[in-house]
N, C-alpha and C. Protein backbone atom coordinates (compact mmCIF):
# COMPACT_ATOMS: atom_id res chain seq x y z
N MET A 1 71.36 -38.66 -3.64
CA MET A 1 70.37 -37.65 -3.35
C MET A 1 69.38 -37.60 -4.52
N GLY A 2 68.10 -37.57 -4.25
CA GLY A 2 67.08 -37.59 -5.29
C GLY A 2 66.76 -36.22 -5.84
N GLU A 3 66.27 -36.22 -7.06
CA GLU A 3 65.88 -34.97 -7.70
C GLU A 3 64.45 -34.60 -7.31
N THR A 4 64.21 -33.32 -7.23
CA THR A 4 62.85 -32.87 -6.94
C THR A 4 62.05 -32.87 -8.23
N PHE A 5 60.76 -32.76 -8.07
CA PHE A 5 59.86 -32.78 -9.23
C PHE A 5 60.15 -31.63 -10.18
N SER A 6 60.38 -30.43 -9.64
CA SER A 6 60.60 -29.27 -10.51
C SER A 6 61.91 -29.39 -11.29
N LYS A 7 62.95 -29.98 -10.66
CA LYS A 7 64.21 -30.16 -11.38
C LYS A 7 64.04 -31.13 -12.55
N ARG A 8 63.29 -32.20 -12.33
CA ARG A 8 63.06 -33.17 -13.39
C ARG A 8 62.26 -32.53 -14.53
N GLU A 9 61.26 -31.74 -14.17
CA GLU A 9 60.45 -31.07 -15.20
C GLU A 9 61.29 -30.11 -16.04
N LYS A 10 62.16 -29.34 -15.39
CA LYS A 10 63.03 -28.41 -16.11
C LYS A 10 63.98 -29.16 -17.04
N GLN A 11 64.51 -30.27 -16.55
CA GLN A 11 65.42 -31.07 -17.37
C GLN A 11 64.69 -31.65 -18.57
N LYS A 12 63.46 -32.11 -18.37
CA LYS A 12 62.66 -32.64 -19.48
C LYS A 12 62.38 -31.55 -20.51
N GLN A 13 62.08 -30.33 -20.03
CA GLN A 13 61.81 -29.22 -20.94
C GLN A 13 63.05 -28.89 -21.77
N LYS A 14 64.24 -28.90 -21.15
CA LYS A 14 65.47 -28.61 -21.88
C LYS A 14 65.73 -29.66 -22.96
N ILE A 15 65.54 -30.92 -22.60
CA ILE A 15 65.75 -31.99 -23.57
C ILE A 15 64.75 -31.86 -24.72
N LYS A 16 63.50 -31.56 -24.41
CA LYS A 16 62.46 -31.39 -25.44
C LYS A 16 62.80 -30.22 -26.37
N ALA A 17 63.30 -29.09 -25.79
CA ALA A 17 63.66 -27.93 -26.59
C ALA A 17 64.81 -28.27 -27.54
N LYS A 18 65.81 -29.03 -27.06
CA LYS A 18 66.93 -29.42 -27.91
C LYS A 18 66.44 -30.31 -29.05
N GLN A 19 65.54 -31.24 -28.73
CA GLN A 19 65.01 -32.14 -29.77
C GLN A 19 64.22 -31.35 -30.82
N ASP A 20 63.41 -30.39 -30.37
CA ASP A 20 62.64 -29.57 -31.30
C ASP A 20 63.56 -28.75 -32.21
N LYS A 21 64.61 -28.21 -31.63
CA LYS A 21 65.55 -27.41 -32.41
C LYS A 21 66.25 -28.28 -33.46
N ALA A 22 66.66 -29.48 -33.05
CA ALA A 22 67.31 -30.39 -34.00
C ALA A 22 66.34 -30.80 -35.11
N GLN A 23 65.08 -31.01 -34.78
CA GLN A 23 64.06 -31.39 -35.77
C GLN A 23 63.85 -30.27 -36.78
N LYS A 24 63.76 -29.03 -36.31
CA LYS A 24 63.57 -27.89 -37.22
C LYS A 24 64.76 -27.73 -38.15
N MET A 25 65.96 -27.91 -37.60
CA MET A 25 67.17 -27.76 -38.41
C MET A 25 67.20 -28.85 -39.50
N LYS A 26 66.81 -30.07 -39.13
CA LYS A 26 66.76 -31.18 -40.10
C LYS A 26 65.75 -30.89 -41.21
N GLU A 27 64.57 -30.33 -40.85
CA GLU A 27 63.55 -30.00 -41.84
C GLU A 27 64.04 -28.92 -42.80
N ARG A 28 64.73 -27.93 -42.27
CA ARG A 28 65.26 -26.86 -43.13
C ARG A 28 66.27 -27.41 -44.14
N LYS A 29 67.11 -28.32 -43.68
CA LYS A 29 68.10 -28.90 -44.58
C LYS A 29 67.44 -29.74 -45.67
N GLU A 30 66.42 -30.48 -45.30
CA GLU A 30 65.72 -31.33 -46.27
C GLU A 30 64.96 -30.50 -47.30
N ASN A 31 64.29 -29.44 -46.85
CA ASN A 31 63.48 -28.62 -47.76
C ASN A 31 64.34 -27.67 -48.59
N GLY A 32 65.52 -27.36 -48.12
CA GLY A 32 66.40 -26.45 -48.84
C GLY A 32 65.84 -25.03 -48.91
N THR A 33 65.10 -24.61 -47.90
CA THR A 33 64.52 -23.26 -47.88
C THR A 33 65.49 -22.27 -47.24
N LYS A 34 66.59 -22.07 -47.93
CA LYS A 34 67.57 -21.09 -47.46
C LYS A 34 67.35 -19.80 -48.23
N LYS A 35 67.28 -18.70 -47.52
CA LYS A 35 67.04 -17.42 -48.18
C LYS A 35 68.32 -16.93 -48.84
N SER A 36 68.18 -16.40 -50.04
CA SER A 36 69.33 -15.83 -50.72
C SER A 36 69.53 -14.38 -50.26
N PHE A 37 70.69 -13.86 -50.60
CA PHE A 37 71.01 -12.49 -50.21
C PHE A 37 70.03 -11.49 -50.81
N GLU A 38 69.64 -11.73 -52.06
CA GLU A 38 68.71 -10.83 -52.75
C GLU A 38 67.34 -10.83 -52.09
N ASP A 39 66.93 -11.98 -51.52
CA ASP A 39 65.63 -12.05 -50.84
C ASP A 39 65.63 -11.24 -49.54
N MET A 40 66.82 -11.05 -48.97
CA MET A 40 66.90 -10.33 -47.69
C MET A 40 67.04 -8.82 -47.86
N LEU A 41 67.30 -8.34 -49.07
CA LEU A 41 67.48 -6.90 -49.28
C LEU A 41 66.15 -6.16 -49.26
N ALA A 42 66.21 -4.94 -48.78
CA ALA A 42 65.04 -4.04 -48.80
C ALA A 42 65.50 -2.73 -49.44
N TYR A 43 64.63 -2.11 -50.19
CA TYR A 43 64.94 -0.87 -50.89
C TYR A 43 63.99 0.23 -50.43
N LEU A 44 64.41 1.46 -50.67
CA LEU A 44 63.56 2.63 -50.41
C LEU A 44 63.10 3.17 -51.75
N ASP A 45 61.80 3.44 -51.86
CA ASP A 45 61.31 4.06 -53.09
C ASP A 45 61.46 5.57 -53.00
N GLU A 46 60.99 6.29 -54.03
CA GLU A 46 61.16 7.74 -54.07
C GLU A 46 60.41 8.48 -52.98
N ASN A 47 59.44 7.80 -52.33
CA ASN A 47 58.68 8.43 -51.24
C ASN A 47 59.21 8.05 -49.86
N GLY A 48 60.28 7.25 -49.82
CA GLY A 48 60.87 6.85 -48.54
C GLY A 48 60.23 5.62 -47.93
N ASN A 49 59.43 4.88 -48.69
CA ASN A 49 58.79 3.66 -48.19
C ASN A 49 59.63 2.45 -48.54
N LEU A 50 59.61 1.42 -47.66
CA LEU A 50 60.35 0.20 -47.93
C LEU A 50 59.68 -0.59 -49.04
N SER A 51 60.51 -1.20 -49.89
CA SER A 51 60.01 -1.96 -51.02
C SER A 51 60.94 -3.15 -51.26
N SER A 52 60.42 -4.22 -51.87
CA SER A 52 61.25 -5.38 -52.17
C SER A 52 61.88 -5.27 -53.55
N THR A 53 61.45 -4.30 -54.34
CA THR A 53 62.01 -4.10 -55.68
C THR A 53 62.92 -2.88 -55.69
N PRO A 54 64.00 -2.91 -56.47
CA PRO A 54 64.89 -1.75 -56.52
C PRO A 54 64.18 -0.55 -57.13
N PRO A 55 64.59 0.66 -56.75
CA PRO A 55 63.93 1.86 -57.27
C PRO A 55 64.23 2.05 -58.76
N ASP A 56 63.30 2.72 -59.43
CA ASP A 56 63.44 3.01 -60.86
C ASP A 56 64.48 4.13 -61.02
N PRO A 57 65.56 3.89 -61.74
CA PRO A 57 66.60 4.92 -61.86
C PRO A 57 66.11 6.17 -62.59
N ARG A 58 65.03 6.07 -63.38
CA ARG A 58 64.52 7.25 -64.09
C ARG A 58 63.84 8.22 -63.13
N LYS A 59 63.36 7.71 -61.98
CA LYS A 59 62.67 8.57 -61.02
C LYS A 59 63.63 9.18 -59.99
N MET A 60 64.89 8.80 -60.04
CA MET A 60 65.86 9.31 -59.08
C MET A 60 66.17 10.77 -59.36
N LYS A 61 66.34 11.53 -58.31
CA LYS A 61 66.68 12.94 -58.43
C LYS A 61 68.14 13.12 -58.03
N THR A 62 68.86 13.97 -58.75
CA THR A 62 70.23 14.26 -58.39
C THR A 62 70.24 15.50 -57.51
N ILE A 63 71.03 15.42 -56.46
CA ILE A 63 71.12 16.52 -55.50
C ILE A 63 72.56 16.98 -55.45
N SER A 64 72.75 18.27 -55.57
CA SER A 64 74.08 18.85 -55.50
C SER A 64 74.53 18.92 -54.05
N VAL A 65 75.79 18.70 -53.83
CA VAL A 65 76.34 18.77 -52.48
C VAL A 65 76.21 20.19 -51.93
N ASP A 66 76.26 21.18 -52.79
CA ASP A 66 76.15 22.58 -52.36
C ASP A 66 74.76 22.91 -51.84
N ASP A 67 73.74 22.12 -52.23
CA ASP A 67 72.37 22.38 -51.79
C ASP A 67 72.10 21.85 -50.38
N ILE A 68 72.99 21.03 -49.85
CA ILE A 68 72.79 20.44 -48.53
C ILE A 68 73.40 21.36 -47.49
N SER A 69 72.59 21.74 -46.51
CA SER A 69 73.06 22.62 -45.45
C SER A 69 73.10 21.83 -44.14
N LEU A 70 74.26 21.81 -43.51
CA LEU A 70 74.43 21.07 -42.27
C LEU A 70 74.58 21.98 -41.06
N SER A 71 74.50 23.26 -41.24
CA SER A 71 74.69 24.18 -40.13
C SER A 71 73.35 24.54 -39.50
N VAL A 72 73.43 25.14 -38.34
CA VAL A 72 72.25 25.62 -37.65
C VAL A 72 71.87 26.95 -38.28
N SER A 73 70.60 27.11 -38.57
CA SER A 73 70.18 28.36 -39.19
C SER A 73 70.37 29.52 -38.22
N ARG A 74 70.72 30.64 -38.75
CA ARG A 74 70.96 31.81 -37.91
C ARG A 74 69.64 32.37 -37.40
N GLN A 75 69.69 32.83 -36.16
CA GLN A 75 68.52 33.45 -35.56
C GLN A 75 68.40 34.88 -36.10
N PRO A 76 67.20 35.33 -36.33
CA PRO A 76 67.04 36.71 -36.81
C PRO A 76 67.53 37.70 -35.74
N VAL A 77 68.26 38.69 -36.20
CA VAL A 77 68.81 39.68 -35.29
C VAL A 77 67.74 40.72 -35.00
N ASP A 78 67.54 40.99 -33.70
CA ASP A 78 66.57 42.01 -33.32
C ASP A 78 67.07 43.38 -33.76
N ASP A 79 66.14 44.21 -34.23
CA ASP A 79 66.52 45.56 -34.63
C ASP A 79 66.86 46.43 -33.43
N ASP A 80 66.28 46.08 -32.27
CA ASP A 80 66.46 46.94 -31.10
C ASP A 80 67.50 46.38 -30.13
N VAL A 81 68.54 45.70 -30.64
CA VAL A 81 69.55 45.12 -29.77
C VAL A 81 70.32 46.21 -29.03
N ASP A 82 70.70 47.27 -29.70
CA ASP A 82 71.51 48.32 -29.09
C ASP A 82 70.69 49.50 -28.60
N THR A 83 69.37 49.44 -28.70
CA THR A 83 68.55 50.56 -28.27
C THR A 83 68.32 50.52 -26.78
N LEU A 84 67.91 51.62 -26.25
CA LEU A 84 67.64 51.76 -24.82
C LEU A 84 66.32 51.09 -24.48
N ARG A 85 66.33 50.25 -23.47
CA ARG A 85 65.13 49.55 -23.03
C ARG A 85 64.74 50.01 -21.64
N THR A 86 63.49 49.76 -21.30
CA THR A 86 63.02 50.08 -19.95
C THR A 86 62.55 48.79 -19.28
N GLY A 87 62.59 48.79 -17.96
CA GLY A 87 62.15 47.61 -17.23
C GLY A 87 62.11 47.86 -15.74
N VAL A 88 61.81 46.79 -15.01
CA VAL A 88 61.68 46.87 -13.55
C VAL A 88 62.61 45.81 -12.95
N VAL A 89 63.32 46.19 -11.90
CA VAL A 89 64.18 45.24 -11.19
C VAL A 89 63.27 44.29 -10.41
N THR A 90 63.28 43.01 -10.79
CA THR A 90 62.40 42.04 -10.12
C THR A 90 63.10 41.35 -8.97
N PHE A 91 64.42 41.26 -9.02
CA PHE A 91 65.18 40.63 -7.96
C PHE A 91 66.55 41.26 -7.93
N PHE A 92 67.07 41.53 -6.72
CA PHE A 92 68.43 42.02 -6.60
C PHE A 92 69.00 41.59 -5.26
N ASN A 93 70.13 40.90 -5.30
CA ASN A 93 70.82 40.44 -4.10
C ASN A 93 71.97 41.40 -3.85
N GLU A 94 71.82 42.26 -2.85
CA GLU A 94 72.84 43.27 -2.58
C GLU A 94 74.13 42.64 -2.08
N ALA A 95 74.05 41.55 -1.34
CA ALA A 95 75.24 40.90 -0.80
C ALA A 95 76.11 40.32 -1.92
N LYS A 96 75.49 39.74 -2.92
CA LYS A 96 76.24 39.13 -4.02
C LYS A 96 76.42 40.07 -5.20
N GLY A 97 75.62 41.13 -5.28
CA GLY A 97 75.81 42.14 -6.31
C GLY A 97 75.24 41.81 -7.67
N PHE A 98 74.19 41.03 -7.74
CA PHE A 98 73.56 40.74 -9.02
C PHE A 98 72.05 40.66 -8.84
N GLY A 99 71.35 40.72 -9.97
CA GLY A 99 69.91 40.62 -9.95
C GLY A 99 69.36 40.44 -11.35
N PHE A 100 68.04 40.66 -11.47
CA PHE A 100 67.38 40.50 -12.76
C PHE A 100 66.42 41.65 -13.01
N ILE A 101 66.35 42.06 -14.28
CA ILE A 101 65.45 43.12 -14.71
C ILE A 101 64.46 42.50 -15.67
N GLU A 102 63.16 42.80 -15.48
CA GLU A 102 62.16 42.33 -16.43
C GLU A 102 61.95 43.41 -17.46
N ASP A 103 62.22 43.06 -18.72
CA ASP A 103 62.08 44.00 -19.82
C ASP A 103 60.60 44.33 -19.99
N ALA A 104 60.27 45.62 -20.06
CA ALA A 104 58.87 46.04 -20.18
C ALA A 104 58.28 45.68 -21.54
N LYS A 105 59.11 45.63 -22.58
CA LYS A 105 58.62 45.38 -23.93
C LYS A 105 58.26 43.90 -24.16
N ASN A 106 59.19 42.98 -23.84
CA ASN A 106 58.94 41.58 -24.15
C ASN A 106 58.87 40.68 -22.91
N LYS A 107 58.86 41.26 -21.72
CA LYS A 107 58.74 40.53 -20.45
C LYS A 107 59.86 39.52 -20.25
N GLU A 108 61.00 39.73 -20.90
CA GLU A 108 62.15 38.86 -20.79
C GLU A 108 62.96 39.25 -19.56
N SER A 109 63.48 38.26 -18.85
CA SER A 109 64.30 38.51 -17.67
C SER A 109 65.76 38.66 -18.11
N VAL A 110 66.40 39.77 -17.73
CA VAL A 110 67.76 40.07 -18.14
C VAL A 110 68.63 40.18 -16.89
N PHE A 111 69.78 39.51 -16.91
CA PHE A 111 70.73 39.54 -15.80
C PHE A 111 71.37 40.92 -15.69
N VAL A 112 71.59 41.35 -14.47
CA VAL A 112 72.27 42.63 -14.25
C VAL A 112 73.28 42.46 -13.10
N HIS A 113 74.47 43.05 -13.27
CA HIS A 113 75.49 43.03 -12.24
C HIS A 113 75.64 44.43 -11.68
N VAL A 114 76.03 44.52 -10.42
CA VAL A 114 76.12 45.81 -9.74
C VAL A 114 77.12 46.74 -10.44
N ASN A 115 78.14 46.21 -11.10
CA ASN A 115 79.13 47.04 -11.80
C ASN A 115 78.54 47.76 -13.01
N GLN A 116 77.40 47.30 -13.52
CA GLN A 116 76.78 47.92 -14.69
C GLN A 116 75.76 49.00 -14.31
N ALA A 117 75.55 49.21 -13.03
CA ALA A 117 74.55 50.20 -12.58
C ALA A 117 75.24 51.49 -12.18
N LYS A 118 74.58 52.61 -12.46
CA LYS A 118 75.13 53.92 -12.11
C LYS A 118 74.81 54.31 -10.67
N TYR A 119 73.88 53.59 -10.06
CA TYR A 119 73.47 53.87 -8.68
C TYR A 119 73.07 52.54 -8.02
N PRO A 120 72.91 52.48 -6.71
CA PRO A 120 72.52 51.23 -6.05
C PRO A 120 71.12 50.79 -6.49
N LEU A 121 70.98 49.54 -6.83
CA LEU A 121 69.71 48.99 -7.29
C LEU A 121 68.93 48.37 -6.14
N LYS A 122 67.60 48.49 -6.24
CA LYS A 122 66.69 47.85 -5.29
C LYS A 122 65.56 47.21 -6.10
N GLU A 123 64.89 46.26 -5.49
CA GLU A 123 63.75 45.63 -6.16
C GLU A 123 62.67 46.67 -6.41
N ARG A 124 61.94 46.51 -7.52
CA ARG A 124 60.84 47.36 -7.98
C ARG A 124 61.32 48.73 -8.46
N ASP A 125 62.61 48.92 -8.68
CA ASP A 125 63.11 50.16 -9.28
C ASP A 125 62.82 50.12 -10.78
N LYS A 126 62.35 51.25 -11.33
CA LYS A 126 62.17 51.36 -12.77
C LYS A 126 63.48 51.87 -13.34
N VAL A 127 63.99 51.15 -14.36
CA VAL A 127 65.30 51.46 -14.89
C VAL A 127 65.28 51.47 -16.42
N THR A 128 66.30 52.13 -16.99
CA THR A 128 66.56 52.04 -18.43
C THR A 128 67.91 51.33 -18.57
N PHE A 129 68.06 50.55 -19.63
CA PHE A 129 69.29 49.77 -19.79
C PHE A 129 69.45 49.37 -21.24
N GLU A 130 70.63 48.89 -21.56
CA GLU A 130 70.92 48.31 -22.87
C GLU A 130 71.24 46.84 -22.65
N VAL A 131 70.97 46.03 -23.67
CA VAL A 131 71.22 44.59 -23.56
C VAL A 131 72.48 44.23 -24.33
N GLU A 132 73.32 43.44 -23.68
CA GLU A 132 74.54 42.95 -24.30
C GLU A 132 74.50 41.43 -24.26
N HIS A 133 74.73 40.79 -25.40
CA HIS A 133 74.72 39.32 -25.47
C HIS A 133 76.15 38.82 -25.34
N ASN A 134 76.35 37.85 -24.44
CA ASN A 134 77.66 37.23 -24.27
C ASN A 134 77.48 35.71 -24.22
N ALA A 135 78.53 35.00 -23.85
CA ALA A 135 78.49 33.53 -23.85
C ALA A 135 77.44 32.97 -22.89
N ARG A 136 77.16 33.66 -21.81
CA ARG A 136 76.19 33.17 -20.83
C ARG A 136 74.76 33.62 -21.11
N GLY A 137 74.57 34.49 -22.08
CA GLY A 137 73.24 34.96 -22.41
C GLY A 137 73.18 36.48 -22.39
N ALA A 138 71.97 37.01 -22.23
CA ALA A 138 71.77 38.46 -22.24
C ALA A 138 72.06 39.04 -20.86
N SER A 139 72.71 40.19 -20.85
CA SER A 139 72.93 40.89 -19.59
C SER A 139 72.74 42.39 -19.82
N ALA A 140 72.30 43.07 -18.78
CA ALA A 140 72.03 44.50 -18.88
C ALA A 140 73.31 45.30 -18.63
N VAL A 141 73.49 46.36 -19.44
CA VAL A 141 74.62 47.27 -19.27
C VAL A 141 74.08 48.70 -19.26
N ASN A 142 74.86 49.61 -18.74
CA ASN A 142 74.49 51.03 -18.66
C ASN A 142 73.13 51.20 -17.99
N VAL A 143 72.95 50.60 -16.83
CA VAL A 143 71.68 50.64 -16.12
C VAL A 143 71.56 51.98 -15.39
N GLN A 144 70.45 52.68 -15.66
CA GLN A 144 70.21 53.98 -15.00
C GLN A 144 68.76 54.02 -14.52
N LYS A 145 68.51 54.88 -13.52
CA LYS A 145 67.17 55.03 -13.01
C LYS A 145 66.30 55.74 -14.03
N ALA A 146 65.10 55.20 -14.28
CA ALA A 146 64.19 55.81 -15.26
C ALA A 146 63.61 57.08 -14.69
N THR A 147 63.41 58.04 -15.59
CA THR A 147 62.85 59.32 -15.13
C THR A 147 61.39 59.42 -15.42
């Protein structure tokens, strides 16, 4: 069975690539241009830029382990966490017994459960409430109708 033109061309290209690779390897051996380990190293200078020369030890700064902080910075605690807030019930599902109150002060949506209300809640009711933070986020407690 005869070879097609494209198969012969691909085979010729493979043979040519192998010959080129062998030629380059032979040239490298003859010239002896092998890189040393020191030529391959890269250093960082005091500004964080790559350099081929090692950094000057006189410019190095010592850092205490105690100065390094690996924790997440604490969020500032609101002064009005336990104070009475006012808002409007924007959504309430009576069948499931939960909804959301939009805080009048910061327009934040706060979850509310029917067990935290002193009376049945409806949408667009003006209410007063306190905010309690738990694992799932902020939720309203002691919900009462605003006067």
